[in-house]
């Protein structure tokens, strides 16, 4: 970890996932009081999470986070283009988030589509990016990890010399969520 503060944020996310695994309902604070406070005082998320749009993958729930705690960017296959990179830049440079988590997941339809030959129309933009990330790998689990690692490397390169984001403070981690068990494996 580049930044000791990020270790505390990571520990918070890991503990949030433990609570998620132990509970039958979401634990994040979404109370009216917190809604009013974040409306008045703004957001101060502790981490940026890039995850798939899959309806079974809800980062706020997986990490037991409430309003204002995570800056979440969701896109099928957790692939990155200038829009997602711009969102990361905003959160890191202006909201001072210093931990970025790229969260893949088991059973990813975008990974499956890429491995089965790609997609048609605009879906091809997603599957082509996944295929660039996974190369010749055709095992879905390993491909998922390679896709996450590809995004982690891209983020690190993109922000290595950013004038508003000190490289020594920014940590970018990859993880994979198991949709069956609910567990998050950190890469």
N, C-alpha and C. Protein backbone atom coordinates (compact mmCIF):
# COMPACT_ATOMS: atom_id res chain seq x y z
N UNK A 1 0.85 -1.17 0.00
CA UNK A 1 0.00 0.00 0.00
C UNK A 1 0.90 1.24 0.00
N UNK A 2 0.67 2.13 -0.96
CA UNK A 2 1.45 3.37 -1.04
C UNK A 2 1.14 4.30 0.12
N UNK A 3 -0.11 4.38 0.48
CA UNK A 3 -0.59 5.36 1.44
C UNK A 3 -1.15 4.64 2.67
N UNK A 4 -0.58 4.86 3.86
CA UNK A 4 -1.08 4.18 5.08
C UNK A 4 -2.57 4.43 5.35
N UNK A 5 -3.08 5.60 4.97
CA UNK A 5 -4.51 5.88 5.14
C UNK A 5 -5.34 4.91 4.31
N UNK A 6 -4.82 4.53 3.15
CA UNK A 6 -5.55 3.61 2.28
C UNK A 6 -5.66 2.22 2.91
N UNK A 7 -4.68 1.83 3.73
CA UNK A 7 -4.78 0.54 4.41
C UNK A 7 -5.97 0.54 5.36
N UNK A 8 -6.21 1.67 6.03
CA UNK A 8 -7.39 1.77 6.91
C UNK A 8 -8.68 1.69 6.10
N UNK A 9 -8.70 2.32 4.92
CA UNK A 9 -9.88 2.26 4.06
C UNK A 9 -10.08 0.82 3.58
N UNK A 10 -9.00 0.16 3.15
CA UNK A 10 -9.11 -1.23 2.71
C UNK A 10 -9.60 -2.12 3.85
N UNK A 11 -9.07 -1.93 5.05
CA UNK A 11 -9.54 -2.71 6.21
C UNK A 11 -11.03 -2.48 6.44
N UNK A 12 -11.48 -1.25 6.24
CA UNK A 12 -12.90 -0.91 6.39
C UNK A 12 -13.75 -1.67 5.35
N UNK A 13 -13.25 -1.74 4.11
CA UNK A 13 -13.97 -2.46 3.06
C UNK A 13 -14.01 -3.96 3.36
N UNK A 14 -12.89 -4.51 3.80
CA UNK A 14 -12.84 -5.93 4.13
C UNK A 14 -13.79 -6.24 5.28
N UNK A 15 -13.80 -5.40 6.30
CA UNK A 15 -14.72 -5.61 7.42
C UNK A 15 -16.17 -5.43 6.97
N UNK A 16 -16.43 -4.49 6.10
CA UNK A 16 -17.78 -4.31 5.56
C UNK A 16 -18.24 -5.55 4.82
N UNK A 17 -17.35 -6.20 4.07
CA UNK A 17 -17.72 -7.43 3.37
C UNK A 17 -17.99 -8.54 4.37
N UNK A 18 -17.23 -8.59 5.46
CA UNK A 18 -17.50 -9.60 6.51
C UNK A 18 -18.90 -9.39 7.10
N UNK A 19 -19.26 -8.13 7.36
CA UNK A 19 -20.61 -7.85 7.89
C UNK A 19 -21.67 -8.24 6.87
N UNK A 20 -21.43 -7.94 5.60
CA UNK A 20 -22.35 -8.30 4.53
C UNK A 20 -22.58 -9.81 4.50
N UNK A 21 -21.52 -10.58 4.64
CA UNK A 21 -21.63 -12.04 4.62
C UNK A 21 -22.43 -12.57 5.81
N UNK A 22 -22.37 -11.85 6.92
CA UNK A 22 -23.03 -12.31 8.14
C UNK A 22 -24.48 -11.86 8.28
N UNK A 23 -24.88 -10.88 7.50
CA UNK A 23 -26.23 -10.30 7.65
C UNK A 23 -27.16 -10.73 6.52
N UNK A 24 -28.45 -10.57 6.77
CA UNK A 24 -29.44 -10.91 5.75
C UNK A 24 -30.01 -9.68 5.07
N UNK A 25 -29.57 -8.50 5.48
CA UNK A 25 -30.03 -7.26 4.86
C UNK A 25 -28.88 -6.25 4.83
N UNK A 26 -28.92 -5.29 3.93
CA UNK A 26 -27.84 -4.30 3.84
C UNK A 26 -27.66 -3.54 5.14
N UNK A 27 -26.41 -3.18 5.42
CA UNK A 27 -26.09 -2.52 6.68
C UNK A 27 -25.69 -1.06 6.54
N UNK A 28 -25.51 -0.56 5.34
CA UNK A 28 -25.07 0.82 5.16
C UNK A 28 -26.11 1.82 5.62
N UNK A 29 -25.64 2.95 6.09
CA UNK A 29 -26.51 4.01 6.59
C UNK A 29 -27.10 4.78 5.41
N UNK A 30 -28.41 4.70 5.26
CA UNK A 30 -29.12 5.47 4.25
C UNK A 30 -30.23 6.29 4.92
N UNK A 31 -29.99 6.66 6.15
CA UNK A 31 -30.99 7.35 6.96
C UNK A 31 -31.30 8.75 6.42
N UNK A 32 -32.50 9.25 6.78
CA UNK A 32 -32.84 10.62 6.39
C UNK A 32 -31.83 11.65 6.92
N UNK A 33 -31.32 11.42 8.13
CA UNK A 33 -30.34 12.36 8.71
C UNK A 33 -29.07 12.40 7.86
N UNK A 34 -28.57 11.24 7.45
CA UNK A 34 -27.37 11.20 6.63
C UNK A 34 -27.66 11.78 5.24
N UNK A 35 -28.84 11.52 4.72
CA UNK A 35 -29.22 12.09 3.43
C UNK A 35 -29.18 13.62 3.49
N UNK A 36 -29.73 14.19 4.56
CA UNK A 36 -29.71 15.65 4.72
C UNK A 36 -28.28 16.16 4.89
N UNK A 37 -27.49 15.47 5.72
CA UNK A 37 -26.11 15.91 5.96
C UNK A 37 -25.29 15.89 4.67
N UNK A 38 -25.38 14.82 3.89
CA UNK A 38 -24.60 14.76 2.65
C UNK A 38 -25.12 15.76 1.62
N UNK A 39 -26.42 16.06 1.66
CA UNK A 39 -26.97 17.08 0.76
C UNK A 39 -26.43 18.45 1.13
N UNK A 40 -26.32 18.72 2.41
CA UNK A 40 -25.84 20.02 2.88
C UNK A 40 -24.33 20.16 2.82
N UNK A 41 -23.61 19.10 3.18
CA UNK A 41 -22.15 19.18 3.31
C UNK A 41 -21.39 18.54 2.15
N UNK A 42 -22.08 17.85 1.28
CA UNK A 42 -21.43 17.21 0.15
C UNK A 42 -20.95 15.80 0.49
N UNK A 43 -20.41 15.16 -0.52
CA UNK A 43 -19.94 13.79 -0.35
C UNK A 43 -18.46 13.76 0.02
N UNK A 44 -18.09 12.77 0.79
CA UNK A 44 -16.70 12.54 1.15
C UNK A 44 -16.42 11.04 1.11
N UNK A 45 -16.50 10.44 -0.09
CA UNK A 45 -16.29 9.00 -0.17
C UNK A 45 -14.86 8.61 0.20
N UNK A 46 -14.71 7.43 0.77
CA UNK A 46 -13.39 6.96 1.19
C UNK A 46 -12.70 6.16 0.10
N UNK A 47 -13.45 5.66 -0.89
CA UNK A 47 -12.88 4.83 -1.94
C UNK A 47 -13.68 4.99 -3.23
N UNK A 48 -12.99 4.72 -4.32
CA UNK A 48 -13.60 4.66 -5.65
C UNK A 48 -13.72 3.18 -5.99
N UNK A 49 -14.89 2.75 -6.41
CA UNK A 49 -15.09 1.35 -6.80
C UNK A 49 -15.60 1.32 -8.23
N UNK A 50 -14.86 0.63 -9.09
CA UNK A 50 -15.29 0.41 -10.47
C UNK A 50 -15.80 -1.02 -10.52
N UNK A 51 -17.07 -1.20 -10.83
CA UNK A 51 -17.63 -2.55 -10.85
C UNK A 51 -18.50 -2.73 -12.09
N UNK A 52 -18.91 -3.96 -12.29
CA UNK A 52 -19.78 -4.31 -13.39
C UNK A 52 -21.20 -3.79 -13.12
N UNK A 53 -21.95 -3.59 -14.16
CA UNK A 53 -23.33 -3.15 -14.05
C UNK A 53 -24.27 -4.27 -13.62
N UNK A 54 -23.77 -5.50 -13.54
CA UNK A 54 -24.58 -6.66 -13.19
C UNK A 54 -25.42 -6.36 -11.95
N UNK A 55 -26.71 -6.67 -12.03
CA UNK A 55 -27.64 -6.34 -10.94
C UNK A 55 -27.37 -7.13 -9.66
N UNK A 56 -26.53 -8.14 -9.73
CA UNK A 56 -26.18 -8.92 -8.54
C UNK A 56 -24.96 -8.37 -7.82
N UNK A 57 -24.37 -7.33 -8.37
CA UNK A 57 -23.13 -6.75 -7.83
C UNK A 57 -23.43 -5.32 -7.40
N UNK A 58 -23.66 -5.13 -6.11
CA UNK A 58 -24.01 -3.81 -5.58
C UNK A 58 -22.93 -3.41 -4.58
N UNK A 59 -21.93 -2.65 -5.01
CA UNK A 59 -20.78 -2.35 -4.15
C UNK A 59 -21.15 -1.80 -2.77
N UNK A 60 -22.12 -0.91 -2.72
CA UNK A 60 -22.50 -0.35 -1.41
C UNK A 60 -22.94 -1.46 -0.46
N UNK A 61 -23.70 -2.41 -0.94
CA UNK A 61 -24.13 -3.52 -0.09
C UNK A 61 -22.97 -4.45 0.22
N UNK A 62 -22.17 -4.79 -0.79
CA UNK A 62 -21.07 -5.75 -0.59
C UNK A 62 -20.07 -5.27 0.45
N UNK A 63 -19.93 -3.94 0.58
CA UNK A 63 -18.99 -3.38 1.55
C UNK A 63 -19.70 -2.75 2.75
N UNK A 64 -21.01 -3.01 2.89
CA UNK A 64 -21.80 -2.45 4.00
C UNK A 64 -21.61 -0.94 4.11
N UNK A 65 -21.66 -0.26 2.98
CA UNK A 65 -21.45 1.18 2.94
C UNK A 65 -22.77 1.91 2.76
N UNK A 66 -22.84 3.09 3.29
CA UNK A 66 -24.03 3.91 3.18
C UNK A 66 -23.82 5.09 2.25
N UNK A 67 -24.75 6.04 2.34
CA UNK A 67 -24.69 7.23 1.51
C UNK A 67 -23.36 7.97 1.70
N UNK A 68 -22.77 8.37 0.60
CA UNK A 68 -21.57 9.19 0.64
C UNK A 68 -20.28 8.47 0.95
N UNK A 69 -20.31 7.15 1.15
CA UNK A 69 -19.09 6.45 1.55
C UNK A 69 -18.26 5.94 0.38
N UNK A 70 -18.90 5.57 -0.73
CA UNK A 70 -18.19 5.04 -1.88
C UNK A 70 -18.54 5.86 -3.12
N UNK A 71 -17.56 6.07 -3.98
CA UNK A 71 -17.78 6.68 -5.28
C UNK A 71 -17.79 5.52 -6.27
N UNK A 72 -18.96 5.13 -6.72
CA UNK A 72 -19.11 3.90 -7.50
C UNK A 72 -19.32 4.24 -8.98
N UNK A 73 -18.53 3.55 -9.81
CA UNK A 73 -18.63 3.67 -11.26
C UNK A 73 -18.97 2.28 -11.77
N UNK A 74 -20.11 2.14 -12.44
CA UNK A 74 -20.55 0.83 -12.91
C UNK A 74 -20.67 0.82 -14.42
N UNK A 75 -20.07 -0.21 -15.00
CA UNK A 75 -20.13 -0.40 -16.44
C UNK A 75 -19.96 -1.89 -16.72
N UNK A 76 -20.69 -2.41 -17.69
CA UNK A 76 -20.62 -3.84 -17.99
C UNK A 76 -19.17 -4.28 -18.18
N UNK A 77 -18.82 -5.37 -17.52
CA UNK A 77 -17.47 -5.91 -17.62
C UNK A 77 -16.42 -5.10 -16.91
N UNK A 78 -16.82 -4.12 -16.13
CA UNK A 78 -15.94 -3.17 -15.45
C UNK A 78 -14.78 -2.72 -16.36
N UNK A 79 -15.12 -2.43 -17.63
CA UNK A 79 -14.13 -1.94 -18.58
C UNK A 79 -14.01 -0.42 -18.44
N UNK A 80 -12.91 0.12 -18.93
CA UNK A 80 -12.65 1.54 -18.77
C UNK A 80 -12.46 2.21 -20.11
N UNK A 81 -13.07 3.38 -20.25
CA UNK A 81 -12.78 4.27 -21.36
C UNK A 81 -12.62 5.67 -20.77
N UNK A 82 -12.59 6.66 -21.60
CA UNK A 82 -12.35 8.03 -21.10
C UNK A 82 -13.44 8.50 -20.12
N UNK A 83 -14.67 8.03 -20.27
CA UNK A 83 -15.73 8.44 -19.35
C UNK A 83 -15.45 7.94 -17.95
N UNK A 84 -15.14 6.66 -17.81
CA UNK A 84 -14.84 6.10 -16.50
C UNK A 84 -13.56 6.70 -15.93
N UNK A 85 -12.53 6.85 -16.78
CA UNK A 85 -11.28 7.46 -16.30
C UNK A 85 -11.51 8.90 -15.84
N UNK A 86 -12.38 9.63 -16.54
CA UNK A 86 -12.72 10.98 -16.11
C UNK A 86 -13.43 10.99 -14.76
N UNK A 87 -14.28 10.01 -14.53
CA UNK A 87 -14.96 9.90 -13.23
C UNK A 87 -13.98 9.57 -12.12
N UNK A 88 -13.03 8.68 -12.41
CA UNK A 88 -11.98 8.36 -11.43
C UNK A 88 -11.16 9.61 -11.13
N UNK A 89 -10.79 10.33 -12.18
CA UNK A 89 -10.01 11.56 -12.00
C UNK A 89 -10.75 12.56 -11.12
N UNK A 90 -12.04 12.73 -11.37
CA UNK A 90 -12.84 13.65 -10.54
C UNK A 90 -12.79 13.24 -9.08
N UNK A 91 -13.06 11.96 -8.81
CA UNK A 91 -13.11 11.50 -7.42
C UNK A 91 -11.75 11.58 -6.74
N UNK A 92 -10.69 11.27 -7.48
CA UNK A 92 -9.35 11.30 -6.88
C UNK A 92 -8.84 12.73 -6.71
N UNK A 93 -9.02 13.55 -7.73
CA UNK A 93 -8.47 14.91 -7.68
C UNK A 93 -9.32 15.87 -6.87
N UNK A 94 -10.65 15.75 -6.96
CA UNK A 94 -11.51 16.74 -6.32
C UNK A 94 -12.16 16.28 -5.02
N UNK A 95 -12.38 14.97 -4.90
CA UNK A 95 -12.97 14.44 -3.65
C UNK A 95 -11.90 13.80 -2.78
N UNK A 96 -10.67 13.75 -3.29
CA UNK A 96 -9.49 13.26 -2.56
C UNK A 96 -9.58 11.79 -2.15
N UNK A 97 -10.27 10.99 -2.96
CA UNK A 97 -10.26 9.53 -2.76
C UNK A 97 -8.90 9.03 -3.19
N UNK A 98 -8.28 8.23 -2.38
CA UNK A 98 -6.94 7.76 -2.70
C UNK A 98 -6.85 6.25 -2.84
N UNK A 99 -7.99 5.56 -2.70
CA UNK A 99 -8.02 4.12 -2.92
C UNK A 99 -9.02 3.83 -4.03
N UNK A 100 -8.55 3.12 -5.07
CA UNK A 100 -9.39 2.73 -6.19
C UNK A 100 -9.46 1.21 -6.19
N UNK A 101 -10.67 0.67 -6.26
CA UNK A 101 -10.87 -0.78 -6.31
C UNK A 101 -11.58 -1.12 -7.62
N UNK A 102 -10.95 -1.98 -8.42
CA UNK A 102 -11.59 -2.52 -9.61
C UNK A 102 -12.17 -3.86 -9.20
N UNK A 103 -13.50 -3.98 -9.25
CA UNK A 103 -14.19 -5.15 -8.73
C UNK A 103 -14.85 -5.94 -9.85
N UNK A 104 -14.22 -7.07 -10.21
CA UNK A 104 -14.83 -8.00 -11.14
C UNK A 104 -15.73 -8.96 -10.37
N UNK A 105 -16.36 -9.89 -11.08
CA UNK A 105 -17.21 -10.85 -10.37
C UNK A 105 -17.35 -12.15 -11.15
N UNK A 106 -17.64 -13.20 -10.42
CA UNK A 106 -17.88 -14.50 -11.05
C UNK A 106 -19.18 -14.43 -11.85
N UNK A 107 -19.28 -15.28 -12.85
CA UNK A 107 -20.50 -15.33 -13.64
C UNK A 107 -20.77 -14.08 -14.44
N UNK A 108 -19.73 -13.36 -14.83
CA UNK A 108 -19.90 -12.10 -15.55
C UNK A 108 -20.35 -12.36 -16.99
N UNK A 109 -21.49 -11.80 -17.35
CA UNK A 109 -22.02 -11.97 -18.70
C UNK A 109 -21.15 -11.31 -19.76
N UNK A 110 -20.52 -10.20 -19.42
CA UNK A 110 -19.65 -9.53 -20.39
C UNK A 110 -18.42 -10.37 -20.68
N UNK A 111 -17.87 -10.99 -19.66
CA UNK A 111 -16.72 -11.88 -19.85
C UNK A 111 -17.16 -13.07 -20.71
N UNK A 112 -18.30 -13.66 -20.37
CA UNK A 112 -18.81 -14.81 -21.14
C UNK A 112 -19.04 -14.44 -22.60
N UNK A 113 -19.61 -13.27 -22.85
CA UNK A 113 -19.86 -12.83 -24.22
C UNK A 113 -18.54 -12.66 -24.97
N UNK A 114 -17.56 -12.07 -24.32
CA UNK A 114 -16.26 -11.89 -24.97
C UNK A 114 -15.62 -13.23 -25.30
N UNK A 115 -15.66 -14.16 -24.34
CA UNK A 115 -15.03 -15.46 -24.54
C UNK A 115 -15.75 -16.30 -25.59
N UNK A 116 -17.02 -16.02 -25.81
CA UNK A 116 -17.77 -16.80 -26.80
C UNK A 116 -17.76 -16.16 -28.18
N UNK A 117 -16.93 -15.16 -28.37
CA UNK A 117 -16.81 -14.60 -29.71
C UNK A 117 -17.10 -13.13 -29.83
N UNK A 118 -17.36 -12.47 -28.74
CA UNK A 118 -17.58 -11.03 -28.79
C UNK A 118 -19.04 -10.66 -28.91
N UNK A 119 -19.28 -9.42 -29.15
CA UNK A 119 -20.65 -8.91 -29.21
C UNK A 119 -20.92 -8.17 -30.50
N UNK A 120 -22.17 -7.89 -30.72
CA UNK A 120 -22.63 -7.15 -31.89
C UNK A 120 -22.87 -5.69 -31.50
N UNK A 121 -22.88 -4.84 -32.45
CA UNK A 121 -23.22 -3.44 -32.23
C UNK A 121 -22.31 -2.78 -31.22
N UNK A 122 -22.89 -1.96 -30.38
CA UNK A 122 -22.09 -1.24 -29.41
C UNK A 122 -21.58 -2.13 -28.28
N UNK A 123 -22.18 -3.30 -28.09
CA UNK A 123 -21.67 -4.25 -27.10
C UNK A 123 -20.25 -4.66 -27.45
N UNK A 124 -19.92 -4.65 -28.72
CA UNK A 124 -18.57 -5.01 -29.16
C UNK A 124 -17.50 -4.11 -28.53
N UNK A 125 -17.84 -2.87 -28.22
CA UNK A 125 -16.87 -1.98 -27.57
C UNK A 125 -16.46 -2.56 -26.22
N UNK A 126 -17.39 -3.20 -25.54
CA UNK A 126 -17.10 -3.82 -24.24
C UNK A 126 -16.36 -5.13 -24.43
N UNK A 127 -16.88 -5.99 -25.27
CA UNK A 127 -16.26 -7.32 -25.43
C UNK A 127 -14.88 -7.21 -26.09
N UNK A 128 -14.69 -6.28 -27.00
CA UNK A 128 -13.37 -6.09 -27.61
C UNK A 128 -12.35 -5.67 -26.56
N UNK A 129 -12.75 -4.79 -25.66
CA UNK A 129 -11.84 -4.37 -24.59
C UNK A 129 -11.50 -5.54 -23.67
N UNK A 130 -12.47 -6.36 -23.35
CA UNK A 130 -12.22 -7.54 -22.52
C UNK A 130 -11.27 -8.48 -23.24
N UNK A 131 -11.47 -8.70 -24.53
CA UNK A 131 -10.59 -9.59 -25.29
C UNK A 131 -9.16 -9.05 -25.32
N UNK A 132 -9.00 -7.73 -25.41
CA UNK A 132 -7.65 -7.15 -25.33
C UNK A 132 -7.02 -7.46 -23.97
N UNK A 133 -7.83 -7.43 -22.94
CA UNK A 133 -7.31 -7.67 -21.58
C UNK A 133 -6.95 -9.12 -21.33
N UNK A 134 -7.72 -10.06 -21.88
CA UNK A 134 -7.54 -11.48 -21.53
C UNK A 134 -6.69 -12.24 -22.53
N UNK A 135 -6.43 -11.67 -23.69
CA UNK A 135 -5.61 -12.35 -24.68
C UNK A 135 -6.21 -13.68 -25.08
N UNK A 136 -5.42 -14.74 -24.99
CA UNK A 136 -5.87 -16.08 -25.42
C UNK A 136 -6.53 -16.87 -24.30
N UNK A 137 -6.61 -16.31 -23.11
CA UNK A 137 -7.23 -17.03 -21.97
C UNK A 137 -8.71 -17.27 -22.25
N UNK A 138 -9.17 -18.49 -22.00
CA UNK A 138 -10.58 -18.81 -22.22
C UNK A 138 -11.27 -19.38 -20.99
N UNK A 139 -10.56 -19.49 -19.88
CA UNK A 139 -11.19 -19.89 -18.62
C UNK A 139 -11.87 -18.64 -18.04
N UNK A 140 -13.19 -18.70 -17.78
CA UNK A 140 -13.90 -17.50 -17.32
C UNK A 140 -13.34 -16.90 -16.03
N UNK A 141 -12.96 -17.72 -15.08
CA UNK A 141 -12.44 -17.19 -13.81
C UNK A 141 -11.10 -16.50 -14.00
N UNK A 142 -10.21 -17.14 -14.73
CA UNK A 142 -8.90 -16.52 -15.00
C UNK A 142 -9.06 -15.29 -15.88
N UNK A 143 -9.97 -15.36 -16.84
CA UNK A 143 -10.22 -14.20 -17.70
C UNK A 143 -10.74 -13.02 -16.87
N UNK A 144 -11.60 -13.30 -15.92
CA UNK A 144 -12.11 -12.24 -15.03
C UNK A 144 -10.96 -11.56 -14.31
N UNK A 145 -10.05 -12.35 -13.75
CA UNK A 145 -8.90 -11.79 -13.03
C UNK A 145 -8.01 -10.97 -13.97
N UNK A 146 -7.76 -11.48 -15.16
CA UNK A 146 -6.94 -10.74 -16.13
C UNK A 146 -7.60 -9.43 -16.53
N UNK A 147 -8.92 -9.45 -16.68
CA UNK A 147 -9.65 -8.24 -17.03
C UNK A 147 -9.53 -7.20 -15.91
N UNK A 148 -9.65 -7.65 -14.66
CA UNK A 148 -9.48 -6.74 -13.52
C UNK A 148 -8.06 -6.19 -13.50
N UNK A 149 -7.08 -7.06 -13.64
CA UNK A 149 -5.68 -6.63 -13.61
C UNK A 149 -5.36 -5.65 -14.74
N UNK A 150 -5.98 -5.86 -15.90
CA UNK A 150 -5.81 -4.94 -17.03
C UNK A 150 -6.31 -3.54 -16.65
N UNK A 151 -7.48 -3.47 -16.03
CA UNK A 151 -8.04 -2.17 -15.63
C UNK A 151 -7.18 -1.52 -14.55
N UNK A 152 -6.69 -2.31 -13.59
CA UNK A 152 -5.81 -1.78 -12.55
C UNK A 152 -4.57 -1.15 -13.19
N UNK A 153 -3.94 -1.87 -14.12
CA UNK A 153 -2.74 -1.35 -14.78
C UNK A 153 -3.04 -0.08 -15.57
N UNK A 154 -4.18 -0.04 -16.24
CA UNK A 154 -4.58 1.15 -17.01
C UNK A 154 -4.73 2.35 -16.09
N UNK A 155 -5.40 2.18 -14.97
CA UNK A 155 -5.60 3.29 -14.03
C UNK A 155 -4.25 3.76 -13.49
N UNK A 156 -3.40 2.84 -13.12
CA UNK A 156 -2.07 3.22 -12.61
C UNK A 156 -1.29 4.03 -13.65
N UNK A 157 -1.32 3.59 -14.91
CA UNK A 157 -0.61 4.32 -15.98
C UNK A 157 -1.22 5.70 -16.19
N UNK A 158 -2.54 5.73 -16.24
CA UNK A 158 -3.24 6.98 -16.54
C UNK A 158 -2.95 8.07 -15.52
N UNK A 159 -2.81 7.69 -14.26
CA UNK A 159 -2.67 8.69 -13.20
C UNK A 159 -1.28 8.72 -12.57
N UNK A 160 -0.31 8.08 -13.21
CA UNK A 160 1.05 8.01 -12.65
C UNK A 160 1.67 9.39 -12.46
N UNK A 161 1.37 10.31 -13.35
CA UNK A 161 1.99 11.64 -13.26
C UNK A 161 0.95 12.76 -13.28
N UNK A 162 -0.18 12.50 -12.67
CA UNK A 162 -1.26 13.50 -12.64
C UNK A 162 -0.88 14.62 -11.67
N UNK A 163 -1.01 15.87 -12.08
CA UNK A 163 -0.58 16.98 -11.21
C UNK A 163 -1.40 17.14 -9.93
N UNK A 164 -2.63 16.65 -9.91
CA UNK A 164 -3.48 16.83 -8.72
C UNK A 164 -3.63 15.56 -7.89
N UNK A 165 -3.05 14.45 -8.36
CA UNK A 165 -3.20 13.18 -7.66
C UNK A 165 -1.79 12.64 -7.38
N UNK A 166 -1.29 12.84 -6.17
CA UNK A 166 0.06 12.36 -5.85
C UNK A 166 0.15 10.83 -6.00
N UNK A 167 1.03 10.37 -6.89
CA UNK A 167 1.16 8.94 -7.18
C UNK A 167 1.48 8.13 -5.93
N UNK A 168 2.25 8.71 -5.01
CA UNK A 168 2.62 7.98 -3.80
C UNK A 168 1.45 7.84 -2.83
N UNK A 169 0.36 8.54 -3.07
CA UNK A 169 -0.82 8.44 -2.21
C UNK A 169 -1.91 7.57 -2.81
N UNK A 170 -1.87 7.33 -4.13
CA UNK A 170 -2.93 6.61 -4.81
C UNK A 170 -2.63 5.11 -4.84
N UNK A 171 -3.57 4.32 -4.35
CA UNK A 171 -3.47 2.87 -4.42
C UNK A 171 -4.60 2.35 -5.29
N UNK A 172 -4.27 1.43 -6.18
CA UNK A 172 -5.25 0.84 -7.09
C UNK A 172 -5.18 -0.67 -6.89
N UNK A 173 -6.29 -1.26 -6.46
CA UNK A 173 -6.35 -2.68 -6.17
C UNK A 173 -7.41 -3.37 -7.02
N UNK A 174 -7.20 -4.64 -7.25
CA UNK A 174 -8.17 -5.45 -7.95
C UNK A 174 -8.78 -6.47 -7.01
N UNK A 175 -10.03 -6.82 -7.27
CA UNK A 175 -10.74 -7.81 -6.45
C UNK A 175 -11.79 -8.49 -7.31
N UNK A 176 -12.21 -9.67 -6.87
CA UNK A 176 -13.26 -10.41 -7.57
C UNK A 176 -14.30 -10.85 -6.55
N UNK A 177 -15.55 -10.51 -6.82
CA UNK A 177 -16.69 -10.87 -5.97
C UNK A 177 -17.28 -12.18 -6.46
N UNK A 178 -17.51 -13.10 -5.53
CA UNK A 178 -18.15 -14.37 -5.85
C UNK A 178 -19.65 -14.21 -5.66
N UNK A 179 -20.42 -14.28 -6.75
CA UNK A 179 -21.86 -14.02 -6.66
C UNK A 179 -22.60 -15.10 -5.89
N UNK A 180 -22.01 -16.27 -5.72
CA UNK A 180 -22.66 -17.33 -4.96
C UNK A 180 -22.39 -17.20 -3.46
N UNK A 181 -21.13 -17.04 -3.09
CA UNK A 181 -20.78 -17.01 -1.67
C UNK A 181 -20.88 -15.62 -1.05
N UNK A 182 -20.74 -14.58 -1.88
CA UNK A 182 -20.74 -13.22 -1.37
C UNK A 182 -19.37 -12.72 -0.95
N UNK A 183 -18.38 -13.58 -1.04
CA UNK A 183 -17.02 -13.25 -0.60
C UNK A 183 -16.28 -12.45 -1.67
N UNK A 184 -15.38 -11.60 -1.23
CA UNK A 184 -14.53 -10.82 -2.12
C UNK A 184 -13.10 -11.31 -1.96
N UNK A 185 -12.50 -11.69 -3.09
CA UNK A 185 -11.10 -12.13 -3.10
C UNK A 185 -10.27 -10.99 -3.65
N UNK A 186 -9.27 -10.57 -2.89
CA UNK A 186 -8.40 -9.47 -3.30
C UNK A 186 -7.25 -10.03 -4.11
N UNK A 187 -6.97 -9.42 -5.24
CA UNK A 187 -5.91 -9.89 -6.12
C UNK A 187 -4.59 -9.22 -5.78
